[in-house]
Amino acid sequence: MGFPTTYTQWVMECVKTVSYNIQINGEPTMPSDAAIGLRQGDPMSPFLFAIDMEYLSRILNALKEVKEFHFHPRGDLASVTVLQACFVMLSQSSGLQANLGKSSVYFGGVSQAVQESILHKLEYSCGELPFKYLRIPLAAQKISLIQWSPLVTKILQRSHLGQLRNYRTQAELNS
């Protein structure tokens, strides 16, 4: 991505030199080196993730030039193969990997034979539509207004509660 060498070395130093101290009865133990990577919750993690996603975005943007790739394929194994190669590039450069146990492929309007060839290529499980992601229903067909109702209600409630909190805070400040 064209980062200066010094910057890259600083980031790698932060990633490679992680160590832990444990306190036992209020006394710290000797430092223990971490096996790899940053600890969970490290303040640097979101920045490194953002850099990785920028790299992925650039890789995916370059797909415009790849003749075998179609942005909205209906079961196009060649496009899926090219897309998978992009994620492999990301994985090789960053160490990020998809969790096969938590990842699925979802199909809409794709023949069973094509589904099986794509699943065989990717090694993911086949997900069932409709399903909810972050409590939002996702389906191959257009979602009806009734299906959106719980989400709209929750947003309106939170919005109303937020307004009430703001009014209360303003009243407290004014008194």
N, C-alpha and C. Protein backbone atom coordinates (compact mmCIF):
# COMPACT_ATOMS: atom_id res chain seq x y z
N MET A 1 0.82 -1.19 0.00
CA MET A 1 0.00 0.00 0.00
C MET A 1 0.86 1.26 0.00
N GLY A 2 2.18 1.10 0.03
CA GLY A 2 3.05 2.25 -0.08
C GLY A 2 3.36 2.96 1.22
N PHE A 3 3.26 2.25 2.36
CA PHE A 3 3.59 2.88 3.63
C PHE A 3 5.10 3.05 3.75
N PRO A 4 5.55 4.12 4.41
CA PRO A 4 6.98 4.29 4.62
C PRO A 4 7.56 3.13 5.43
N THR A 5 8.78 2.76 5.13
CA THR A 5 9.43 1.62 5.79
C THR A 5 9.50 1.82 7.30
N THR A 6 9.82 3.03 7.74
CA THR A 6 9.93 3.30 9.18
C THR A 6 8.59 3.06 9.87
N TYR A 7 7.50 3.53 9.26
CA TYR A 7 6.16 3.32 9.83
C TYR A 7 5.85 1.83 9.94
N THR A 8 6.12 1.09 8.87
CA THR A 8 5.88 -0.36 8.87
C THR A 8 6.68 -1.04 9.97
N GLN A 9 7.92 -0.63 10.15
CA GLN A 9 8.76 -1.22 11.20
C GLN A 9 8.20 -0.91 12.58
N TRP A 10 7.69 0.30 12.80
CA TRP A 10 7.09 0.65 14.09
C TRP A 10 5.88 -0.23 14.38
N VAL A 11 5.00 -0.38 13.38
CA VAL A 11 3.81 -1.20 13.57
C VAL A 11 4.21 -2.64 13.87
N MET A 12 5.15 -3.17 13.12
CA MET A 12 5.56 -4.56 13.34
C MET A 12 6.23 -4.73 14.71
N GLU A 13 6.93 -3.72 15.17
CA GLU A 13 7.54 -3.78 16.51
C GLU A 13 6.45 -3.88 17.57
N CYS A 14 5.37 -3.11 17.40
CA CYS A 14 4.25 -3.17 18.34
C CYS A 14 3.58 -4.54 18.32
N VAL A 15 3.48 -5.13 17.16
CA VAL A 15 2.80 -6.43 17.03
C VAL A 15 3.68 -7.56 17.56
N LYS A 16 4.98 -7.51 17.30
CA LYS A 16 5.87 -8.62 17.63
C LYS A 16 6.41 -8.60 19.05
N THR A 17 6.35 -7.48 19.76
CA THR A 17 7.00 -7.39 21.07
C THR A 17 5.99 -7.34 22.21
N VAL A 18 4.88 -8.05 22.06
CA VAL A 18 3.86 -8.07 23.11
C VAL A 18 4.33 -8.99 24.24
N SER A 19 4.20 -8.51 25.49
CA SER A 19 4.48 -9.36 26.64
C SER A 19 3.47 -9.06 27.74
N TYR A 20 3.33 -9.97 28.67
CA TYR A 20 2.34 -9.85 29.73
C TYR A 20 3.00 -9.97 31.09
N ASN A 21 2.49 -9.21 32.06
CA ASN A 21 2.84 -9.37 33.46
C ASN A 21 1.56 -9.75 34.20
N ILE A 22 1.63 -10.70 35.06
CA ILE A 22 0.48 -11.12 35.86
C ILE A 22 0.77 -10.75 37.30
N GLN A 23 -0.23 -10.24 37.99
CA GLN A 23 -0.06 -9.91 39.40
C GLN A 23 -0.61 -11.06 40.24
N ILE A 24 0.22 -11.54 41.17
CA ILE A 24 -0.19 -12.57 42.11
C ILE A 24 -0.01 -11.99 43.51
N ASN A 25 -1.10 -11.91 44.26
CA ASN A 25 -1.08 -11.29 45.58
C ASN A 25 -0.50 -9.88 45.53
N GLY A 26 -0.84 -9.15 44.45
CA GLY A 26 -0.40 -7.77 44.33
C GLY A 26 1.02 -7.60 43.83
N GLU A 27 1.74 -8.68 43.60
CA GLU A 27 3.13 -8.60 43.13
C GLU A 27 3.20 -9.04 41.67
N PRO A 28 3.84 -8.24 40.81
CA PRO A 28 3.94 -8.64 39.39
C PRO A 28 4.93 -9.79 39.19
N THR A 29 4.59 -10.68 38.27
CA THR A 29 5.50 -11.77 37.91
C THR A 29 6.47 -11.26 36.85
N MET A 30 7.39 -12.11 36.47
CA MET A 30 8.31 -11.77 35.39
C MET A 30 7.52 -11.65 34.09
N PRO A 31 7.93 -10.78 33.17
CA PRO A 31 7.21 -10.66 31.89
C PRO A 31 7.21 -11.98 31.12
N SER A 32 6.09 -12.26 30.50
CA SER A 32 5.94 -13.46 29.69
C SER A 32 5.62 -13.03 28.27
N ASP A 33 6.42 -13.49 27.32
CA ASP A 33 6.21 -13.10 25.92
C ASP A 33 4.96 -13.77 25.36
N ALA A 34 4.20 -13.00 24.57
CA ALA A 34 3.02 -13.55 23.88
C ALA A 34 3.48 -14.36 22.69
N ALA A 35 2.67 -15.32 22.31
CA ALA A 35 3.03 -16.17 21.17
C ALA A 35 3.05 -15.33 19.88
N ILE A 36 1.92 -14.70 19.53
CA ILE A 36 1.85 -13.88 18.33
C ILE A 36 0.81 -12.79 18.51
N GLY A 37 0.96 -11.72 17.76
CA GLY A 37 -0.09 -10.72 17.63
C GLY A 37 -0.31 -9.83 18.82
N LEU A 38 -1.38 -9.03 18.68
CA LEU A 38 -1.76 -8.09 19.73
C LEU A 38 -2.73 -8.77 20.69
N ARG A 39 -2.79 -8.25 21.90
CA ARG A 39 -3.75 -8.78 22.85
C ARG A 39 -5.13 -8.25 22.51
N GLN A 40 -6.15 -8.96 22.95
CA GLN A 40 -7.51 -8.52 22.70
C GLN A 40 -7.74 -7.19 23.39
N GLY A 41 -8.35 -6.25 22.68
CA GLY A 41 -8.63 -4.94 23.24
C GLY A 41 -7.48 -3.96 23.12
N ASP A 42 -6.39 -4.34 22.46
CA ASP A 42 -5.27 -3.42 22.29
C ASP A 42 -5.74 -2.19 21.52
N PRO A 43 -5.38 -0.99 21.97
CA PRO A 43 -5.83 0.24 21.30
C PRO A 43 -5.40 0.33 19.84
N MET A 44 -4.38 -0.41 19.47
CA MET A 44 -3.89 -0.35 18.09
C MET A 44 -4.72 -1.23 17.15
N SER A 45 -5.46 -2.19 17.69
CA SER A 45 -6.20 -3.14 16.87
C SER A 45 -7.16 -2.49 15.87
N PRO A 46 -7.99 -1.52 16.27
CA PRO A 46 -8.89 -0.92 15.28
C PRO A 46 -8.16 -0.23 14.13
N PHE A 47 -7.01 0.36 14.40
CA PHE A 47 -6.26 1.03 13.35
C PHE A 47 -5.69 0.02 12.36
N LEU A 48 -5.13 -1.08 12.89
CA LEU A 48 -4.60 -2.11 11.99
C LEU A 48 -5.72 -2.74 11.18
N PHE A 49 -6.88 -2.94 11.80
CA PHE A 49 -8.02 -3.50 11.08
C PHE A 49 -8.46 -2.54 9.97
N ALA A 50 -8.49 -1.24 10.25
CA ALA A 50 -8.87 -0.26 9.24
C ALA A 50 -7.89 -0.27 8.07
N ILE A 51 -6.61 -0.43 8.36
CA ILE A 51 -5.60 -0.52 7.30
C ILE A 51 -5.84 -1.77 6.46
N ASP A 52 -6.13 -2.89 7.12
CA ASP A 52 -6.41 -4.13 6.40
C ASP A 52 -7.64 -4.00 5.51
N MET A 53 -8.68 -3.33 6.02
CA MET A 53 -9.90 -3.17 5.22
C MET A 53 -9.66 -2.22 4.04
N GLU A 54 -8.79 -1.23 4.22
CA GLU A 54 -8.43 -0.36 3.10
C GLU A 54 -7.70 -1.17 2.03
N TYR A 55 -6.82 -2.06 2.45
CA TYR A 55 -6.10 -2.93 1.52
C TYR A 55 -7.09 -3.82 0.77
N LEU A 56 -8.04 -4.43 1.51
CA LEU A 56 -9.05 -5.27 0.87
C LEU A 56 -9.89 -4.45 -0.11
N SER A 57 -10.25 -3.24 0.26
CA SER A 57 -11.03 -2.38 -0.61
C SER A 57 -10.29 -2.11 -1.92
N ARG A 58 -9.01 -1.88 -1.82
CA ARG A 58 -8.21 -1.62 -3.04
C ARG A 58 -8.11 -2.88 -3.90
N ILE A 59 -7.97 -4.03 -3.26
CA ILE A 59 -7.93 -5.29 -4.02
C ILE A 59 -9.25 -5.49 -4.75
N LEU A 60 -10.36 -5.30 -4.04
CA LEU A 60 -11.68 -5.50 -4.65
C LEU A 60 -11.95 -4.47 -5.73
N ASN A 61 -11.49 -3.25 -5.54
CA ASN A 61 -11.67 -2.21 -6.55
C ASN A 61 -10.93 -2.56 -7.84
N ALA A 62 -9.81 -3.25 -7.72
CA ALA A 62 -9.03 -3.65 -8.89
C ALA A 62 -9.74 -4.73 -9.71
N LEU A 63 -10.77 -5.34 -9.16
CA LEU A 63 -11.50 -6.38 -9.88
C LEU A 63 -12.21 -5.83 -11.12
N LYS A 64 -12.38 -4.51 -11.19
CA LYS A 64 -13.00 -3.91 -12.38
C LYS A 64 -12.23 -4.28 -13.65
N GLU A 65 -10.94 -4.51 -13.50
CA GLU A 65 -10.09 -4.80 -14.65
C GLU A 65 -10.01 -6.29 -14.96
N VAL A 66 -10.56 -7.15 -14.12
CA VAL A 66 -10.47 -8.60 -14.31
C VAL A 66 -11.67 -9.07 -15.12
N LYS A 67 -11.42 -9.58 -16.31
CA LYS A 67 -12.50 -9.96 -17.23
C LYS A 67 -13.33 -11.13 -16.70
N GLU A 68 -12.72 -12.02 -15.91
CA GLU A 68 -13.44 -13.19 -15.41
C GLU A 68 -14.42 -12.86 -14.29
N PHE A 69 -14.30 -11.64 -13.74
CA PHE A 69 -15.11 -11.27 -12.58
C PHE A 69 -16.34 -10.47 -13.00
N HIS A 70 -17.50 -10.83 -12.45
CA HIS A 70 -18.75 -10.10 -12.66
C HIS A 70 -19.24 -9.68 -11.28
N PHE A 71 -19.60 -8.40 -11.13
CA PHE A 71 -19.95 -7.88 -9.81
C PHE A 71 -21.24 -8.48 -9.25
N HIS A 72 -22.18 -8.82 -10.06
CA HIS A 72 -23.44 -9.39 -9.58
C HIS A 72 -23.73 -10.70 -10.30
N PRO A 73 -22.90 -11.71 -10.06
CA PRO A 73 -23.11 -12.98 -10.76
C PRO A 73 -24.25 -13.78 -10.14
N ARG A 74 -24.85 -14.60 -10.93
CA ARG A 74 -25.85 -15.56 -10.44
C ARG A 74 -25.21 -16.94 -10.55
N GLY A 75 -24.40 -17.26 -9.57
CA GLY A 75 -23.79 -18.58 -9.56
C GLY A 75 -22.63 -18.70 -10.52
N ASP A 76 -21.84 -17.67 -10.66
CA ASP A 76 -20.70 -17.66 -11.55
C ASP A 76 -19.47 -18.14 -10.79
N LEU A 77 -19.09 -19.40 -10.98
CA LEU A 77 -17.98 -19.99 -10.24
C LEU A 77 -16.67 -19.24 -10.51
N ALA A 78 -16.47 -18.76 -11.73
CA ALA A 78 -15.24 -18.02 -12.05
C ALA A 78 -15.15 -16.74 -11.21
N SER A 79 -16.26 -16.01 -11.07
CA SER A 79 -16.26 -14.79 -10.26
C SER A 79 -16.01 -15.10 -8.79
N VAL A 80 -16.62 -16.17 -8.30
CA VAL A 80 -16.42 -16.57 -6.91
C VAL A 80 -14.97 -16.95 -6.67
N THR A 81 -14.35 -17.62 -7.62
CA THR A 81 -12.94 -18.02 -7.51
C THR A 81 -12.04 -16.79 -7.46
N VAL A 82 -12.30 -15.80 -8.32
CA VAL A 82 -11.51 -14.57 -8.32
C VAL A 82 -11.69 -13.83 -6.99
N LEU A 83 -12.93 -13.76 -6.51
CA LEU A 83 -13.21 -13.08 -5.24
C LEU A 83 -12.50 -13.78 -4.08
N GLN A 84 -12.53 -15.11 -4.08
CA GLN A 84 -11.84 -15.88 -3.03
C GLN A 84 -10.34 -15.61 -3.06
N ALA A 85 -9.77 -15.46 -4.26
CA ALA A 85 -8.34 -15.16 -4.38
C ALA A 85 -8.00 -13.82 -3.72
N CYS A 86 -8.92 -12.86 -3.80
CA CYS A 86 -8.71 -11.57 -3.13
C CYS A 86 -8.64 -11.75 -1.62
N PHE A 87 -9.53 -12.56 -1.08
CA PHE A 87 -9.52 -12.79 0.37
C PHE A 87 -8.28 -13.59 0.79
N VAL A 88 -7.80 -14.46 -0.06
CA VAL A 88 -6.56 -15.19 0.23
C VAL A 88 -5.39 -14.21 0.27
N MET A 89 -5.36 -13.25 -0.67
CA MET A 89 -4.30 -12.23 -0.66
C MET A 89 -4.34 -11.44 0.64
N LEU A 90 -5.54 -11.04 1.07
CA LEU A 90 -5.68 -10.32 2.33
C LEU A 90 -5.16 -11.16 3.49
N SER A 91 -5.54 -12.42 3.50
CA SER A 91 -5.13 -13.32 4.58
C SER A 91 -3.62 -13.49 4.62
N GLN A 92 -3.00 -13.65 3.46
CA GLN A 92 -1.56 -13.84 3.41
C GLN A 92 -0.80 -12.59 3.84
N SER A 93 -1.35 -11.42 3.56
CA SER A 93 -0.63 -10.19 3.90
C SER A 93 -0.91 -9.73 5.33
N SER A 94 -2.07 -10.10 5.89
CA SER A 94 -2.44 -9.57 7.20
C SER A 94 -2.52 -10.61 8.31
N GLY A 95 -2.70 -11.86 7.93
CA GLY A 95 -2.91 -12.89 8.94
C GLY A 95 -4.37 -13.08 9.31
N LEU A 96 -5.26 -12.19 8.80
CA LEU A 96 -6.69 -12.35 9.07
C LEU A 96 -7.22 -13.55 8.29
N GLN A 97 -8.07 -14.34 8.95
CA GLN A 97 -8.66 -15.50 8.29
C GLN A 97 -10.12 -15.61 8.66
N ALA A 98 -10.92 -16.05 7.71
CA ALA A 98 -12.33 -16.29 7.98
C ALA A 98 -12.45 -17.52 8.88
N ASN A 99 -13.35 -17.46 9.83
CA ASN A 99 -13.63 -18.59 10.70
C ASN A 99 -14.64 -19.49 9.99
N LEU A 100 -14.18 -20.65 9.50
CA LEU A 100 -15.05 -21.54 8.74
C LEU A 100 -16.24 -22.01 9.57
N GLY A 101 -16.08 -22.08 10.88
CA GLY A 101 -17.17 -22.50 11.75
C GLY A 101 -18.26 -21.46 11.90
N LYS A 102 -17.93 -20.20 11.63
CA LYS A 102 -18.91 -19.12 11.79
C LYS A 102 -19.31 -18.49 10.45
N SER A 103 -18.79 -18.99 9.36
CA SER A 103 -19.04 -18.39 8.05
C SER A 103 -19.90 -19.30 7.20
N SER A 104 -20.79 -18.69 6.43
CA SER A 104 -21.67 -19.44 5.54
C SER A 104 -21.82 -18.68 4.23
N VAL A 105 -22.24 -19.41 3.20
CA VAL A 105 -22.56 -18.81 1.91
C VAL A 105 -24.07 -18.90 1.75
N TYR A 106 -24.68 -17.79 1.31
CA TYR A 106 -26.12 -17.74 1.12
C TYR A 106 -26.42 -17.56 -0.36
N PHE A 107 -27.39 -18.32 -0.86
CA PHE A 107 -27.74 -18.30 -2.27
C PHE A 107 -29.19 -17.86 -2.45
N GLY A 108 -29.42 -17.19 -3.55
CA GLY A 108 -30.78 -16.85 -3.96
C GLY A 108 -30.87 -16.98 -5.46
N GLY A 109 -31.72 -17.87 -5.93
CA GLY A 109 -31.91 -18.03 -7.36
C GLY A 109 -30.76 -18.71 -8.07
N VAL A 110 -30.04 -19.59 -7.38
CA VAL A 110 -28.90 -20.30 -7.96
C VAL A 110 -29.22 -21.79 -7.96
N SER A 111 -28.93 -22.46 -9.07
CA SER A 111 -29.24 -23.89 -9.17
C SER A 111 -28.46 -24.70 -8.14
N GLN A 112 -29.00 -25.85 -7.79
CA GLN A 112 -28.38 -26.73 -6.79
C GLN A 112 -26.97 -27.16 -7.23
N ALA A 113 -26.80 -27.46 -8.52
CA ALA A 113 -25.49 -27.90 -9.02
C ALA A 113 -24.44 -26.80 -8.86
N VAL A 114 -24.81 -25.57 -9.17
CA VAL A 114 -23.87 -24.45 -9.04
C VAL A 114 -23.58 -24.19 -7.56
N GLN A 115 -24.61 -24.27 -6.71
CA GLN A 115 -24.41 -24.10 -5.27
C GLN A 115 -23.37 -25.10 -4.77
N GLU A 116 -23.51 -26.35 -5.16
CA GLU A 116 -22.59 -27.40 -4.69
C GLU A 116 -21.17 -27.13 -5.18
N SER A 117 -21.00 -26.67 -6.42
CA SER A 117 -19.65 -26.39 -6.93
C SER A 117 -19.01 -25.22 -6.18
N ILE A 118 -19.80 -24.20 -5.88
CA ILE A 118 -19.28 -23.04 -5.13
C ILE A 118 -18.93 -23.44 -3.70
N LEU A 119 -19.82 -24.20 -3.05
CA LEU A 119 -19.54 -24.65 -1.68
C LEU A 119 -18.31 -25.53 -1.63
N HIS A 120 -18.13 -26.38 -2.63
CA HIS A 120 -16.95 -27.25 -2.69
C HIS A 120 -15.68 -26.40 -2.84
N LYS A 121 -15.75 -25.37 -3.68
CA LYS A 121 -14.60 -24.49 -3.90
C LYS A 121 -14.24 -23.70 -2.65
N LEU A 122 -15.26 -23.16 -1.96
CA LEU A 122 -15.00 -22.27 -0.82
C LEU A 122 -14.83 -23.00 0.51
N GLU A 123 -15.40 -24.18 0.64
CA GLU A 123 -15.35 -24.98 1.87
C GLU A 123 -16.13 -24.36 3.02
N TYR A 124 -17.11 -23.49 2.71
CA TYR A 124 -18.00 -22.93 3.72
C TYR A 124 -19.28 -23.75 3.75
N SER A 125 -20.05 -23.59 4.83
CA SER A 125 -21.35 -24.25 4.89
C SER A 125 -22.37 -23.39 4.13
N CYS A 126 -23.50 -24.01 3.81
CA CYS A 126 -24.56 -23.30 3.10
C CYS A 126 -25.55 -22.76 4.13
N GLY A 127 -25.77 -21.46 4.12
CA GLY A 127 -26.72 -20.83 5.03
C GLY A 127 -28.12 -20.84 4.46
N GLU A 128 -29.10 -20.70 5.33
CA GLU A 128 -30.50 -20.71 4.93
C GLU A 128 -31.08 -19.30 5.01
N LEU A 129 -31.78 -18.90 3.97
CA LEU A 129 -32.50 -17.63 3.96
C LEU A 129 -33.96 -17.88 4.29
N PRO A 130 -34.64 -16.99 4.94
CA PRO A 130 -34.17 -15.74 5.54
C PRO A 130 -33.47 -16.01 6.88
N PHE A 131 -32.66 -15.06 7.30
CA PHE A 131 -32.02 -15.12 8.62
C PHE A 131 -31.87 -13.69 9.11
N LYS A 132 -31.50 -13.54 10.37
CA LYS A 132 -31.32 -12.20 10.94
C LYS A 132 -29.84 -11.95 11.18
N TYR A 133 -29.40 -10.77 10.79
CA TYR A 133 -28.05 -10.31 11.06
C TYR A 133 -28.19 -8.99 11.82
N LEU A 134 -27.63 -8.94 13.02
CA LEU A 134 -27.78 -7.79 13.90
C LEU A 134 -29.27 -7.43 14.05
N ARG A 135 -30.08 -8.46 14.18
CA ARG A 135 -31.54 -8.37 14.38
C ARG A 135 -32.28 -7.81 13.18
N ILE A 136 -31.60 -7.71 12.05
CA ILE A 136 -32.25 -7.23 10.83
C ILE A 136 -32.47 -8.44 9.93
N PRO A 137 -33.71 -8.66 9.48
CA PRO A 137 -33.98 -9.81 8.62
C PRO A 137 -33.36 -9.63 7.23
N LEU A 138 -32.70 -10.67 6.75
CA LEU A 138 -32.12 -10.68 5.42
C LEU A 138 -32.74 -11.82 4.63
N ALA A 139 -33.14 -11.54 3.41
CA ALA A 139 -33.79 -12.55 2.58
C ALA A 139 -33.45 -12.30 1.12
N ALA A 140 -33.73 -13.29 0.28
CA ALA A 140 -33.50 -13.14 -1.15
C ALA A 140 -34.57 -12.26 -1.79
N GLN A 141 -35.76 -12.22 -1.18
CA GLN A 141 -36.84 -11.39 -1.70
C GLN A 141 -36.89 -10.08 -0.93
N LYS A 142 -37.67 -9.14 -1.47
CA LYS A 142 -37.86 -7.86 -0.81
C LYS A 142 -38.53 -8.07 0.55
N ILE A 143 -38.05 -7.38 1.56
CA ILE A 143 -38.59 -7.52 2.90
C ILE A 143 -39.82 -6.62 3.04
N SER A 144 -40.87 -7.18 3.60
CA SER A 144 -42.12 -6.42 3.74
C SER A 144 -42.02 -5.42 4.90
N LEU A 145 -42.93 -4.46 4.88
CA LEU A 145 -42.96 -3.43 5.93
C LEU A 145 -43.18 -4.06 7.30
N ILE A 146 -43.98 -5.10 7.37
CA ILE A 146 -44.25 -5.78 8.65
C ILE A 146 -42.96 -6.39 9.21
N GLN A 147 -42.09 -6.93 8.34
CA GLN A 147 -40.83 -7.51 8.81
C GLN A 147 -39.88 -6.43 9.34
N TRP A 148 -39.99 -5.21 8.82
CA TRP A 148 -39.15 -4.11 9.29
C TRP A 148 -39.69 -3.49 10.58
N SER A 149 -40.94 -3.76 10.91
CA SER A 149 -41.61 -3.10 12.03
C SER A 149 -40.84 -3.18 13.35
N PRO A 150 -40.33 -4.36 13.79
CA PRO A 150 -39.61 -4.39 15.07
C PRO A 150 -38.37 -3.49 15.09
N LEU A 151 -37.65 -3.44 13.96
CA LEU A 151 -36.46 -2.60 13.90
C LEU A 151 -36.84 -1.12 13.94
N VAL A 152 -37.86 -0.74 13.18
CA VAL A 152 -38.30 0.66 13.16
C VAL A 152 -38.77 1.08 14.54
N THR A 153 -39.53 0.21 15.20
CA THR A 153 -40.02 0.50 16.55
C THR A 153 -38.86 0.72 17.51
N LYS A 154 -37.85 -0.16 17.45
CA LYS A 154 -36.69 -0.03 18.34
C LYS A 154 -35.92 1.26 18.08
N ILE A 155 -35.77 1.62 16.82
CA ILE A 155 -35.06 2.86 16.49
C ILE A 155 -35.82 4.06 17.02
N LEU A 156 -37.13 4.05 16.82
CA LEU A 156 -37.94 5.17 17.31
C LEU A 156 -37.90 5.27 18.83
N GLN A 157 -37.93 4.11 19.51
CA GLN A 157 -37.86 4.13 20.98
C GLN A 157 -36.53 4.69 21.45
N ARG A 158 -35.46 4.23 20.84
CA ARG A 158 -34.14 4.73 21.24
C ARG A 158 -33.98 6.20 20.92
N SER A 159 -34.51 6.60 19.78
CA SER A 159 -34.44 8.01 19.40
C SER A 159 -35.21 8.86 20.41
N HIS A 160 -36.39 8.40 20.79
CA HIS A 160 -37.21 9.11 21.76
C HIS A 160 -36.52 9.17 23.12
N LEU A 161 -35.92 8.03 23.54
CA LEU A 161 -35.20 8.01 24.82
C LEU A 161 -34.01 8.95 24.77
N GLY A 162 -33.32 8.98 23.63
CA GLY A 162 -32.19 9.89 23.49
C GLY A 162 -32.61 11.33 23.60
N GLN A 163 -33.76 11.67 22.99
CA GLN A 163 -34.27 13.03 23.09
C GLN A 163 -34.63 13.37 24.53
N LEU A 164 -35.27 12.40 25.24
CA LEU A 164 -35.62 12.65 26.64
C LEU A 164 -34.38 12.87 27.49
N ARG A 165 -33.33 12.08 27.25
CA ARG A 165 -32.08 12.26 28.00
C ARG A 165 -31.49 13.64 27.73
N ASN A 166 -31.52 14.06 26.46
CA ASN A 166 -30.98 15.37 26.12
C ASN A 166 -31.77 16.49 26.79
N TYR A 167 -33.12 16.36 26.79
CA TYR A 167 -33.95 17.37 27.45
C TYR A 167 -33.66 17.42 28.94
N ARG A 168 -33.51 16.23 29.57
CA ARG A 168 -33.24 16.18 31.01
C ARG A 168 -31.88 16.81 31.30
N THR A 169 -30.88 16.50 30.49
CA THR A 169 -29.54 17.07 30.69
C THR A 169 -29.59 18.58 30.56
N GLN A 170 -30.32 19.08 29.54
CA GLN A 170 -30.43 20.52 29.35
C GLN A 170 -31.13 21.17 30.55
N ALA A 171 -32.19 20.50 31.06
CA ALA A 171 -32.92 21.04 32.22
C ALA A 171 -32.01 21.09 33.43
N GLU A 172 -31.18 20.06 33.63
CA GLU A 172 -30.26 20.03 34.76
C GLU A 172 -29.22 21.13 34.63
N LEU A 173 -28.74 21.37 33.40
CA LEU A 173 -27.74 22.41 33.19
C LEU A 173 -28.34 23.81 33.43
N ASN A 174 -29.60 23.97 33.05
CA ASN A 174 -30.24 25.28 33.18
C ASN A 174 -30.63 25.59 34.62
N SER A 175 -30.78 24.59 35.47
CA SER A 175 -31.23 24.86 36.84
C SER A 175 -30.08 25.11 37.79
